[in-house]
Amino acid sequence: MTSTPKTAKTVLISGASIAGPALALWLHRYGFVPTVVERAPELRTGGYKVDIRGTAIEVCRRMGVLDEVRANSTDMRGGSYVDGTGRTIGELPADIFGGRVEEDDEIMRGELARILYDRTREDVEYVFGDSITALAEDADGVTVTFESGTVRRFDLVVGADGLHSNTRRLAFGPEERFKRHLGAYISIFTAPNHLGLDRWETYHALPGKLVCVYSSAGETDAKNLFVFSSPEELAPHHRDTAAQKRALTDAFAGDGWEIPRLLGHAAEAEDFYLDSMSLVEMDRWSTGRVVLLGDAAHCASPASGQGTGLALTGAYVLAGELARAGGDHTVAFARYEQHMRPGVERNQRMAEGFVKEMTVDRKWKIALRMFMVRTLPKTPWKNLIAKKIRDEIQACANAVPLADHTAPATNAAARPTVTA
């Protein structure tokens, strides 16, 4: 590939979830011209609650959205485990249950997506209901063909389109080369709050399975969350919702507690989601003028609890490095990856262990855990145990340091321009 001028300005971002709009916000502040394309016909506001911890808190503060994030906090009070009859086995407060410190926050993924979209929609072009079908790079840019038939030119292309990244497939090759299944699946959907939960999580554990129902602040409905072991990947395509609903029902067939009733709501759930717990592991996150961001580059799976944080931090670092390099993507992409990769890999290793914790495979192991949940609040060393859990999680949440040179003022009027 021939050398390129250091004046890249127009950037196509594929994906309008978290990483894409966050990157668009920063790029616009730095004087770039971002365009976001999203396959869905409108902003997707479903999903589960996500954590904002460690480095991601400072990123949100510098973005100017931290107050709004906190105003939309889930405000969870705690959680409990129940047995097959619905009897409460033990309860834990939210700080122990989630391993959080005072500064941490939690928000519904859809609310965070809405906040980022609202902050960027006036300054950034969004194209909904379309996707990339072909990328043709030359010395001066990338010719992008869209599913709609539109053909446009951009200086750079960013894939922020998740675990099943279409951008990654077009630029790097088939998904199977990079995705590693961790042996479990996760599903979530909205349903009536028939347990009457108020900022509370209720868990029921079975060998190789975990069910959770929760309702967060301001919600009249509840979220039904299912996790189950599956050594092999399931047959249904990630966009075949009907087949996915059948697969979930089959996985929990014959199980008790409230499970049949919870599954009964899956059929009509418009926000139904099911996917594998998988890692994305790549030797490099960029090729030429195309770079990957967030789960598209390095999915750590929901088991890490850090996917949102890594997406926000990665967007911040990538935009900052592009500005620092004056638009020279060859320099910026290398710096971005060098900065992010150690922290990403630490979070991925943590996720591998947490998947096993979520799908305990023996009844006696579940019984031991329930004993710990029941007795922990009464033990004199509960604070030490809680601190150990928090320290591990916080170490991962802060695994990617922030560099001051990538931190512009949060005043929207103070937008530095990119110079050659």
Protein backbone atom coordinates (compact mmCIF):
# COMPACT_ATOMS: atom_id res chain seq x y z
CA MET A 1 0.00 0.00 0.00
CA THR A 2 1.41 3.41 -0.93
CA SER A 3 1.91 6.14 1.63
CA THR A 4 -1.07 8.41 2.24
CA PRO A 5 -1.49 12.08 3.07
CA LYS A 6 -1.95 12.99 6.72
CA THR A 7 -5.27 14.76 6.25
CA ALA A 8 -7.90 12.04 6.72
CA LYS A 9 -11.16 13.78 7.57
CA THR A 10 -14.22 11.75 6.57
CA VAL A 11 -14.83 8.63 8.64
CA LEU A 12 -17.54 6.02 8.12
CA ILE A 13 -18.51 4.22 11.31
CA SER A 14 -20.50 0.99 11.03
CA GLY A 15 -22.66 0.47 14.11
CA ALA A 16 -24.85 2.80 16.20
CA SER A 17 -24.82 1.02 19.56
CA ILE A 18 -22.28 2.37 22.07
CA ALA A 19 -18.82 2.41 20.48
CA GLY A 20 -19.97 3.98 17.21
CA PRO A 21 -21.77 7.07 18.57
CA ALA A 22 -19.07 7.54 21.23
CA LEU A 23 -16.40 7.60 18.52
CA ALA A 24 -18.52 9.95 16.42
CA LEU A 25 -18.77 12.37 19.34
CA TRP A 26 -15.01 12.52 19.80
CA LEU A 27 -14.21 12.69 16.09
CA HIS A 28 -16.58 15.60 15.62
CA ARG A 29 -14.96 17.47 18.48
CA TYR A 30 -11.58 16.96 16.84
CA GLY A 31 -12.77 18.34 13.51
CA PHE A 32 -13.34 15.10 11.62
CA VAL A 33 -16.55 14.45 9.66
CA PRO A 34 -18.07 11.16 10.88
CA THR A 35 -20.97 9.27 9.32
CA VAL A 36 -22.65 6.42 11.21
CA VAL A 37 -24.42 3.63 9.34
CA GLU A 38 -26.67 1.19 11.20
CA ARG A 39 -28.37 -1.92 9.84
CA ALA A 40 -31.39 -1.54 12.13
CA PRO A 41 -34.15 0.78 10.90
CA GLU A 42 -33.91 2.90 14.06
CA LEU A 43 -31.87 3.23 17.22
CA ARG A 44 -31.94 -0.03 19.17
CA THR A 45 -32.84 0.67 22.78
CA GLY A 46 -33.11 -2.87 24.19
CA GLY A 47 -30.51 -4.90 26.04
CA TYR A 48 -29.41 -5.51 29.59
CA LYS A 49 -27.92 -3.29 32.24
CA VAL A 50 -24.27 -2.39 31.73
CA ASP A 51 -21.58 -1.20 34.10
CA ILE A 52 -19.72 2.09 33.91
CA ARG A 53 -16.60 1.56 36.00
CA GLY A 54 -13.04 2.74 36.34
CA THR A 55 -11.61 4.37 33.24
CA ALA A 56 -15.02 4.52 31.57
CA ILE A 57 -16.28 6.88 34.30
CA GLU A 58 -13.57 9.39 33.44
CA VAL A 59 -14.32 8.98 29.73
CA CYS A 60 -17.99 9.78 30.37
CA ARG A 61 -16.97 12.78 32.44
CA ARG A 62 -14.78 14.10 29.61
CA MET A 63 -17.55 13.45 27.12
CA GLY A 64 -19.86 15.57 29.25
CA VAL A 65 -22.45 12.80 29.72
CA LEU A 66 -21.64 11.51 33.21
CA ASP A 67 -24.38 13.49 34.94
CA GLU A 68 -26.97 12.18 32.49
CA VAL A 69 -25.68 8.63 32.89
CA ARG A 70 -26.07 8.91 36.66
CA ALA A 71 -29.51 10.46 36.33
CA ASN A 72 -30.53 7.29 34.46
CA SER A 73 -28.89 4.86 36.87
CA THR A 74 -30.55 1.51 37.47
CA ASP A 75 -30.25 2.27 41.21
CA MET A 76 -30.27 -1.44 42.05
CA ARG A 77 -30.64 -2.13 45.78
CA GLY A 78 -29.46 -5.72 45.83
CA GLY A 79 -30.23 -9.26 44.84
CA SER A 80 -31.32 -12.62 46.16
CA TYR A 81 -31.10 -16.30 45.28
CA VAL A 82 -34.20 -18.48 45.47
CA ASP A 83 -34.71 -22.23 45.37
CA GLY A 84 -37.12 -24.17 43.20
CA THR A 85 -40.08 -23.29 45.42
CA GLY A 86 -39.31 -19.57 45.32
CA ARG A 87 -38.01 -19.54 48.90
CA THR A 88 -35.27 -16.96 49.42
CA ILE A 89 -31.95 -18.62 50.22
CA GLY A 90 -29.93 -15.47 50.78
CA GLU A 91 -29.72 -11.76 49.96
CA LEU A 92 -26.82 -9.45 49.25
CA PRO A 93 -26.68 -5.66 48.89
CA ALA A 94 -25.89 -4.18 45.48
CA ASP A 95 -22.29 -3.20 46.29
CA ILE A 96 -21.34 -6.78 47.13
CA PHE A 97 -23.57 -8.34 44.47
CA GLY A 98 -22.05 -6.25 41.69
CA GLY A 99 -18.57 -5.74 43.10
CA ARG A 100 -18.98 -1.97 42.81
CA VAL A 101 -17.33 0.96 44.49
CA GLU A 102 -19.06 4.27 45.21
CA GLU A 103 -17.90 5.91 41.97
CA ASP A 104 -19.25 3.11 39.75
CA ASP A 105 -22.57 3.31 37.98
CA GLU A 106 -24.91 1.06 36.08
CA ILE A 107 -27.31 1.97 33.28
CA MET A 108 -29.50 0.14 30.80
CA ARG A 109 -27.66 -0.32 27.51
CA GLY A 110 -30.53 1.24 25.60
CA GLU A 111 -30.50 4.35 27.78
CA LEU A 112 -26.77 4.82 27.22
CA ALA A 113 -27.24 4.39 23.46
CA ARG A 114 -29.98 7.03 23.53
CA ILE A 115 -27.80 9.47 25.49
CA LEU A 116 -24.93 9.14 23.02
CA TYR A 117 -27.24 9.39 20.03
CA ASP A 118 -28.96 12.50 21.37
CA ARG A 119 -25.57 14.11 21.99
CA THR A 120 -24.42 13.50 18.41
CA ARG A 121 -27.50 13.50 16.17
CA GLU A 122 -27.29 17.25 15.39
CA ASP A 123 -23.61 17.12 14.41
CA VAL A 124 -23.25 13.64 12.91
CA GLU A 125 -24.90 12.05 9.87
CA TYR A 126 -26.76 8.85 10.81
CA VAL A 127 -27.91 6.41 8.13
CA PHE A 128 -30.34 3.81 9.50
CA GLY A 129 -31.63 0.75 7.68
CA ASP A 130 -28.49 0.21 5.61
CA SER A 131 -25.19 -1.66 5.82
CA ILE A 132 -21.87 -2.06 4.05
CA THR A 133 -21.63 -4.71 1.32
CA ALA A 134 -18.21 -3.95 -0.19
CA LEU A 135 -15.02 -2.04 0.61
CA ALA A 136 -12.53 -1.03 -2.08
CA GLU A 137 -9.44 0.74 -0.77
CA ASP A 138 -6.93 2.74 -2.78
CA ALA A 139 -4.16 5.20 -1.99
CA ASP A 140 -6.57 8.07 -1.31
CA GLY A 141 -9.49 6.47 0.52
CA VAL A 142 -12.12 3.75 0.61
CA THR A 143 -15.00 3.32 -1.82
CA VAL A 144 -17.91 1.90 0.15
CA THR A 145 -20.88 0.15 -1.43
CA PHE A 146 -24.01 -0.10 0.67
CA GLU A 147 -26.85 -2.61 0.65
CA SER A 148 -29.15 0.16 -0.59
CA GLY A 149 -27.01 0.49 -3.72
CA THR A 150 -25.44 3.78 -2.63
CA VAL A 151 -21.71 4.18 -3.31
CA ARG A 152 -19.70 6.72 -1.30
CA ARG A 153 -16.08 7.64 -0.59
CA PHE A 154 -14.52 7.97 2.85
CA ASP A 155 -11.00 8.52 4.10
CA LEU A 156 -11.35 5.88 6.83
CA VAL A 157 -13.79 3.13 7.82
CA VAL A 158 -14.39 1.97 11.40
CA GLY A 159 -16.17 -1.28 12.25
CA ALA A 160 -18.03 -0.77 15.54
CA ASP A 161 -20.64 -3.37 14.65
CA GLY A 162 -20.26 -5.90 17.42
CA LEU A 163 -19.47 -9.57 17.83
CA HIS A 164 -20.81 -10.46 14.39
CA SER A 165 -19.11 -7.52 12.69
CA ASN A 166 -19.89 -7.21 9.00
CA THR A 167 -16.96 -4.80 8.62
CA ARG A 168 -14.58 -7.35 10.10
CA ARG A 169 -15.84 -10.02 7.72
CA LEU A 170 -15.35 -7.78 4.68
CA ALA A 171 -11.92 -6.49 5.68
CA PHE A 172 -10.37 -9.44 7.53
CA GLY A 173 -12.23 -12.61 6.60
CA PRO A 174 -14.83 -15.01 8.04
CA GLU A 175 -15.98 -14.64 11.63
CA GLU A 176 -14.89 -18.19 12.47
CA ARG A 177 -11.23 -17.15 12.27
CA PHE A 178 -11.55 -14.76 15.18
CA LYS A 179 -14.48 -15.80 17.40
CA ARG A 180 -13.87 -18.27 20.23
CA HIS A 181 -16.92 -19.78 21.88
CA LEU A 182 -16.66 -19.93 25.68
CA GLY A 183 -19.18 -22.73 26.09
CA ALA A 184 -22.27 -20.78 27.13
CA TYR A 185 -25.14 -18.68 25.78
CA ILE A 186 -26.93 -15.66 27.17
CA SER A 187 -30.45 -14.46 26.46
CA ILE A 188 -32.46 -11.48 27.66
CA PHE A 189 -35.83 -9.93 26.90
CA THR A 190 -38.42 -7.66 28.46
CA ALA A 191 -41.47 -9.16 30.17
CA PRO A 192 -44.13 -8.20 32.72
CA ASN A 193 -42.81 -7.73 36.25
CA HIS A 194 -44.99 -10.43 37.79
CA LEU A 195 -42.53 -10.95 40.67
CA GLY A 196 -43.11 -7.34 41.75
CA LEU A 197 -39.40 -6.49 41.82
CA ASP A 198 -38.25 -2.98 42.66
CA ARG A 199 -34.60 -2.30 41.79
CA TRP A 200 -33.92 -5.88 42.71
CA GLU A 201 -32.43 -9.00 41.08
CA THR A 202 -33.73 -12.51 41.75
CA TYR A 203 -31.54 -15.47 40.75
CA HIS A 204 -32.23 -19.17 40.44
CA ALA A 205 -29.31 -21.51 39.74
CA LEU A 206 -29.44 -24.95 38.15
CA PRO A 207 -26.55 -27.17 37.02
CA GLY A 208 -25.10 -25.45 33.97
CA LYS A 209 -27.79 -22.77 34.02
CA LEU A 210 -28.61 -19.47 35.66
CA VAL A 211 -31.86 -17.48 35.50
CA CYS A 212 -32.21 -13.89 36.64
CA VAL A 213 -35.19 -11.55 36.74
CA TYR A 214 -34.63 -7.90 37.57
CA SER A 215 -36.35 -4.56 37.40
CA SER A 216 -34.41 -1.30 37.59
CA ALA A 217 -35.31 2.24 38.62
CA GLY A 218 -38.21 3.73 36.71
CA GLU A 219 -39.11 0.46 34.98
CA THR A 220 -42.56 -1.06 35.23
CA ASP A 221 -41.49 -4.16 33.31
CA ALA A 222 -38.75 -6.64 34.15
CA LYS A 223 -35.86 -8.20 32.27
CA ASN A 224 -35.67 -11.98 32.02
CA LEU A 225 -32.08 -13.15 31.68
CA PHE A 226 -31.03 -16.74 30.96
CA VAL A 227 -27.53 -18.20 30.82
CA PHE A 228 -26.87 -21.83 29.92
CA SER A 229 -23.95 -24.09 29.09
CA SER A 230 -23.51 -25.25 25.53
CA PRO A 231 -20.11 -26.74 24.70
CA GLU A 232 -20.93 -26.54 21.01
CA GLU A 233 -22.34 -23.52 19.23
CA LEU A 234 -26.03 -23.69 18.42
CA ALA A 235 -27.31 -23.95 14.87
CA PRO A 236 -29.58 -20.87 14.65
CA HIS A 237 -28.12 -17.85 12.88
CA HIS A 238 -27.75 -14.78 15.09
CA ARG A 239 -30.51 -13.05 13.13
CA ASP A 240 -32.95 -15.99 13.16
CA THR A 241 -34.96 -14.88 16.18
CA ALA A 242 -37.67 -17.53 15.88
CA ALA A 243 -35.12 -20.34 15.90
CA GLN A 244 -33.28 -18.74 18.80
CA LYS A 245 -36.47 -18.62 20.87
CA ARG A 246 -36.99 -22.33 20.24
CA ALA A 247 -33.38 -23.05 21.23
CA LEU A 248 -33.82 -21.18 24.51
CA THR A 249 -37.06 -23.01 25.30
CA ASP A 250 -35.40 -26.36 24.55
CA ALA A 251 -32.44 -25.55 26.80
CA PHE A 252 -34.72 -24.99 29.81
CA ALA A 253 -37.41 -27.57 29.02
CA GLY A 254 -38.65 -29.30 32.18
CA ASP A 255 -37.05 -26.85 34.60
CA GLY A 256 -39.08 -25.52 37.51
CA TRP A 257 -39.46 -22.39 39.60
CA GLU A 258 -40.91 -19.56 37.44
CA ILE A 259 -39.01 -20.67 34.34
CA PRO A 260 -41.98 -21.89 32.23
CA ARG A 261 -43.83 -18.64 32.93
CA LEU A 262 -40.76 -16.54 32.12
CA LEU A 263 -40.16 -18.41 28.88
CA GLY A 264 -43.80 -17.90 27.97
CA HIS A 265 -43.07 -14.20 27.50
CA ALA A 266 -40.24 -14.85 25.04
CA ALA A 267 -42.57 -15.56 22.13
CA GLU A 268 -43.98 -12.03 22.01
CA ALA A 269 -40.87 -10.18 23.20
CA GLU A 270 -39.86 -7.59 20.60
CA ASP A 271 -36.42 -7.08 22.12
CA PHE A 272 -35.50 -10.77 22.40
CA TYR A 273 -31.75 -11.37 22.33
CA LEU A 274 -29.74 -14.58 22.39
CA ASP A 275 -26.11 -15.05 21.52
CA SER A 276 -23.06 -17.03 22.45
CA MET A 277 -20.62 -16.00 25.14
CA SER A 278 -17.61 -15.58 22.89
CA LEU A 279 -14.30 -13.79 22.64
CA VAL A 280 -12.96 -12.07 19.54
CA GLU A 281 -9.21 -12.58 19.33
CA MET A 282 -7.26 -10.96 16.51
CA ASP A 283 -3.57 -10.44 15.78
CA ARG A 284 -4.34 -6.91 14.58
CA TRP A 285 -7.35 -4.62 14.64
CA SER A 286 -6.64 -2.65 11.48
CA THR A 287 -5.80 -3.21 7.86
CA GLY A 288 -5.03 -0.25 5.63
CA ARG A 289 -7.71 2.39 6.16
CA VAL A 290 -10.09 0.07 8.04
CA VAL A 291 -10.00 -0.33 11.82
CA LEU A 292 -12.17 -2.20 14.32
CA LEU A 293 -13.52 -0.89 17.61
CA GLY A 294 -15.21 -2.42 20.65
CA ASP A 295 -16.65 -5.93 20.37
CA ALA A 296 -15.86 -6.04 16.65
CA ALA A 297 -12.16 -5.93 17.53
CA HIS A 298 -11.95 -7.62 20.92
CA CYS A 299 -15.25 -8.83 22.33
CA ALA A 300 -14.74 -9.87 25.94
CA SER A 301 -18.27 -11.35 26.16
CA PRO A 302 -20.96 -10.22 28.62
CA ALA A 303 -19.23 -12.35 31.25
CA SER A 304 -16.51 -9.73 31.58
CA GLY A 305 -18.92 -6.97 32.53
CA GLN A 306 -16.47 -4.64 30.78
CA GLY A 307 -17.67 -4.60 27.17
CA THR A 308 -19.28 -1.18 27.48
CA GLY A 309 -16.31 0.26 29.33
CA LEU A 310 -13.89 -1.03 26.72
CA ALA A 311 -16.08 0.37 23.94
CA LEU A 312 -16.20 3.83 25.50
CA THR A 313 -12.50 3.84 26.32
CA GLY A 314 -11.54 2.50 22.89
CA ALA A 315 -13.55 5.21 21.14
CA TYR A 316 -11.82 7.84 23.24
CA VAL A 317 -8.35 6.47 22.55
CA LEU A 318 -8.89 5.89 18.82
CA ALA A 319 -10.23 9.40 18.18
CA GLY A 320 -7.51 10.94 20.30
CA GLU A 321 -4.76 9.10 18.44
CA LEU A 322 -6.19 10.14 15.07
CA ALA A 323 -6.18 13.76 16.20
CA ARG A 324 -2.72 13.45 17.71
CA ALA A 325 -1.40 12.00 14.45
CA GLY A 326 -3.01 14.74 12.38
CA GLY A 327 -5.23 12.23 10.61
CA ASP A 328 -2.39 9.85 9.72
CA HIS A 329 -4.18 6.54 10.21
CA THR A 330 -1.03 4.42 9.86
CA VAL A 331 0.38 6.02 12.99
CA ALA A 332 -2.89 6.42 14.86
CA PHE A 333 -4.14 2.86 14.40
CA ALA A 334 -0.85 1.40 15.66
CA ARG A 335 -0.84 3.64 18.74
CA TYR A 336 -4.50 2.89 19.46
CA GLU A 337 -3.92 -0.86 19.44
CA GLN A 338 -0.72 -0.64 21.43
CA HIS A 339 -2.51 1.39 24.09
CA MET A 340 -5.61 -0.81 24.32
CA ARG A 341 -4.43 -4.37 23.84
CA PRO A 342 -2.93 -5.20 27.27
CA GLY A 343 -6.07 -4.08 29.10
CA VAL A 344 -8.33 -5.84 26.62
CA GLU A 345 -6.51 -9.13 27.06
CA ARG A 346 -6.71 -8.86 30.85
CA ASN A 347 -10.48 -8.44 30.63
CA GLN A 348 -10.82 -11.35 28.25
CA ARG A 349 -8.99 -13.66 30.63
CA MET A 350 -11.28 -12.56 33.46
CA ALA A 351 -14.31 -13.33 31.30
CA GLU A 352 -13.18 -16.92 30.77
CA GLY A 353 -13.31 -17.51 34.51
CA PHE A 354 -16.60 -15.70 35.03
CA VAL A 355 -18.40 -17.79 32.42
CA LYS A 356 -17.66 -20.86 34.50
CA GLU A 357 -18.90 -19.07 37.61
CA MET A 358 -22.18 -18.25 35.87
CA THR A 359 -22.78 -21.86 34.78
CA VAL A 360 -21.75 -23.97 37.76
CA ASP A 361 -22.14 -27.56 36.62
CA ARG A 362 -22.72 -29.55 39.85
CA LYS A 363 -25.52 -29.47 42.42
CA TRP A 364 -23.08 -29.63 45.31
CA LYS A 365 -21.22 -26.60 43.95
CA ILE A 366 -24.49 -24.68 43.73
CA ALA A 367 -25.34 -25.75 47.31
CA LEU A 368 -21.95 -24.48 48.49
CA ARG A 369 -22.50 -21.16 46.78
CA MET A 370 -25.95 -20.81 48.31
CA PHE A 371 -24.45 -21.49 51.73
CA MET A 372 -21.96 -18.67 51.14
CA VAL A 373 -24.68 -16.29 49.95
CA ARG A 374 -26.78 -17.10 53.02
CA THR A 375 -23.98 -16.74 55.56
CA LEU A 376 -21.81 -13.99 54.05
CA PRO A 377 -23.83 -11.02 55.39
CA LYS A 378 -23.49 -12.44 58.92
CA THR A 379 -19.75 -13.14 58.87
CA PRO A 380 -17.19 -10.74 60.36
CA TRP A 381 -14.98 -11.06 57.28
CA LYS A 382 -17.67 -10.10 54.76
CA ASN A 383 -15.97 -6.77 54.06
CA LEU A 384 -12.68 -8.49 53.27
CA ILE A 385 -14.38 -10.87 50.85
CA ALA A 386 -16.28 -8.00 49.23
CA LYS A 387 -13.06 -6.00 48.93
CA LYS A 388 -11.29 -8.88 47.19
CA ILE A 389 -14.08 -9.14 44.64
CA ARG A 390 -14.15 -5.38 44.07
CA ASP A 391 -10.37 -5.15 43.76
CA GLU A 392 -10.29 -7.75 40.99
CA ILE A 393 -13.11 -6.11 39.06
CA GLN A 394 -11.68 -2.61 39.51
CA ALA A 395 -8.26 -3.72 38.31
CA CYS A 396 -9.84 -4.85 35.05
CA ALA A 397 -12.00 -1.71 34.81
CA ASN A 398 -8.84 0.40 35.06
CA ALA A 399 -6.65 -1.84 32.91
CA VAL A 400 -6.57 0.69 30.06
CA PRO A 401 -4.98 3.97 31.22
CA LEU A 402 -6.02 7.30 29.74
CA ALA A 403 -3.54 9.68 28.16
CA ASP A 404 -4.07 13.41 28.72
CA HIS A 405 -3.22 14.26 25.13
CA THR A 406 -6.46 12.62 23.99
CA ALA A 407 -8.68 14.69 26.30
CA PRO A 408 -10.23 17.77 24.68
CA ALA A 409 -12.42 20.15 26.65
CA THR A 410 -15.97 18.93 27.13
CA ASN A 411 -17.27 22.34 26.04
CA ALA A 412 -18.83 21.61 22.64
CA ALA A 413 -17.70 25.03 21.39
CA ALA A 414 -14.06 24.11 21.94
CA ARG A 415 -13.52 21.70 19.09
CA PRO A 416 -9.89 21.40 17.96
CA THR A 417 -9.32 20.96 14.24
CA VAL A 418 -7.12 18.39 12.57
CA THR A 419 -4.02 19.79 10.94
CA ALA A 420 -1.81 18.22 8.34
